[in-house]
Amino acid sequence: MAAQVHTQLMPVKREPYRGSDILHDPVSTVDPEAFEIMKKEKGRQRRGLELIASENFTSKAVMDALASAMCNKYSEGYPGARFAL
């Protein structure tokens, strides 16, 4: 018989968005809790040395590219034979 896994759920504090423009406001305004988690993770990465290749420190150029409008696009396959959602 397989063992059952029970995961305790964490309470989520849901509040209506009170910023001025959710599409243009920074993450620190839109989701302060997520912003604090991101800041802590960035600090953790700066203080330590990851020996796992897939978890290396990303350059500013890569972080900028990942935060660009180019990441608003999605496609699969090859040109002329794509499956797009």
Protein backbone atom coordinates (compact mmCIF):
# COMPACT_ATOMS: atom_id res chain seq x y z
CA MET A 1 0.00 0.00 0.00
CA ALA A 2 1.36 3.41 -0.95
CA ALA A 3 2.05 5.89 1.79
CA GLN A 4 -0.13 8.96 1.89
CA VAL A 5 1.50 12.36 1.87
CA HIS A 6 -0.17 15.18 3.73
CA THR A 7 0.94 18.72 3.05
CA GLN A 8 -0.12 21.45 5.40
CA LEU A 9 -1.57 24.39 3.51
CA MET A 10 -0.30 27.84 4.29
CA PRO A 11 -2.87 30.59 4.76
CA VAL A 12 -2.96 33.17 1.99
CA LYS A 13 -3.70 36.78 2.75
CA ARG A 14 -5.80 38.04 -0.16
CA GLU A 15 -6.43 41.73 -0.47
CA PRO A 16 -7.83 43.80 -3.32
CA TYR A 17 -5.16 45.55 -5.41
CA ARG A 18 -4.83 49.14 -4.27
CA GLY A 19 -2.15 50.35 -6.69
CA SER A 20 -2.74 52.70 -9.59
CA ASP A 21 -2.08 50.42 -12.58
CA ILE A 22 -1.46 46.68 -12.18
CA LEU A 23 0.02 46.43 -15.70
CA HIS A 24 2.61 49.15 -15.09
CA ASP A 25 3.27 49.10 -11.34
CA PRO A 26 6.44 47.35 -10.13
CA VAL A 27 6.25 43.96 -8.42
CA SER A 28 7.09 45.70 -5.12
CA THR A 29 3.71 47.45 -5.38
CA VAL A 30 1.68 44.67 -7.01
CA ASP A 31 2.86 41.87 -4.69
CA PRO A 32 5.05 43.07 -1.81
CA GLU A 33 5.29 39.57 -0.32
CA ALA A 34 6.62 38.06 -3.57
CA PHE A 35 9.01 41.02 -3.91
CA GLU A 36 10.45 40.34 -0.44
CA ILE A 37 10.90 36.66 -1.31
CA MET A 38 12.73 37.65 -4.53
CA LYS A 39 15.01 40.03 -2.61
CA LYS A 40 15.84 37.32 -0.06
CA GLU A 41 16.58 34.80 -2.82
CA LYS A 42 18.86 37.27 -4.61
CA GLY A 43 20.74 37.82 -1.34
CA ARG A 44 20.99 34.08 -0.71
CA GLN A 45 22.47 33.58 -4.17
CA ARG A 46 25.00 36.39 -3.64
CA ARG A 47 26.17 34.95 -0.30
CA GLY A 48 26.60 31.35 -1.45
CA LEU A 49 28.25 29.30 -4.14
CA GLU A 50 26.00 26.90 -6.02
CA LEU A 51 27.81 23.81 -7.25
CA ILE A 52 24.84 22.65 -9.35
CA ALA A 53 25.29 23.80 -12.96
CA SER A 54 21.59 24.40 -13.53
CA GLU A 55 21.46 26.75 -10.52
CA ASN A 56 24.25 29.15 -11.39
CA PHE A 57 24.05 32.92 -10.96
CA THR A 58 22.38 34.65 -13.90
CA SER A 59 23.96 37.75 -15.44
CA LYS A 60 22.18 41.12 -15.48
CA ALA A 61 21.91 40.91 -19.28
CA VAL A 62 20.04 37.59 -19.03
CA MET A 63 17.79 38.89 -16.25
CA ASP A 64 16.99 41.96 -18.39
CA ALA A 65 16.20 39.76 -21.41
CA LEU A 66 13.92 37.52 -19.33
CA ALA A 67 12.06 40.59 -18.09
CA SER A 68 11.61 42.02 -21.60
CA ALA A 69 8.60 42.09 -23.90
CA MET A 70 10.15 39.16 -25.78
CA CYS A 71 8.93 36.89 -22.97
CA ASN A 72 5.30 37.79 -23.79
CA LYS A 73 5.50 35.48 -26.82
CA TYR A 74 4.99 31.73 -26.93
CA SER A 75 5.34 29.26 -29.77
CA GLU A 76 6.28 25.63 -30.32
CA GLY A 77 7.75 23.83 -33.28
CA TYR A 78 9.51 25.13 -36.36
CA PRO A 79 8.72 28.12 -38.62
CA GLY A 80 5.93 27.10 -40.99
CA ALA A 81 4.93 24.19 -38.75
CA ARG A 82 4.17 25.80 -35.41
CA PHE A 83 1.69 24.96 -32.73
CA ALA A 84 0.79 28.16 -30.89
CA LEU A 85 -1.58 28.60 -27.99
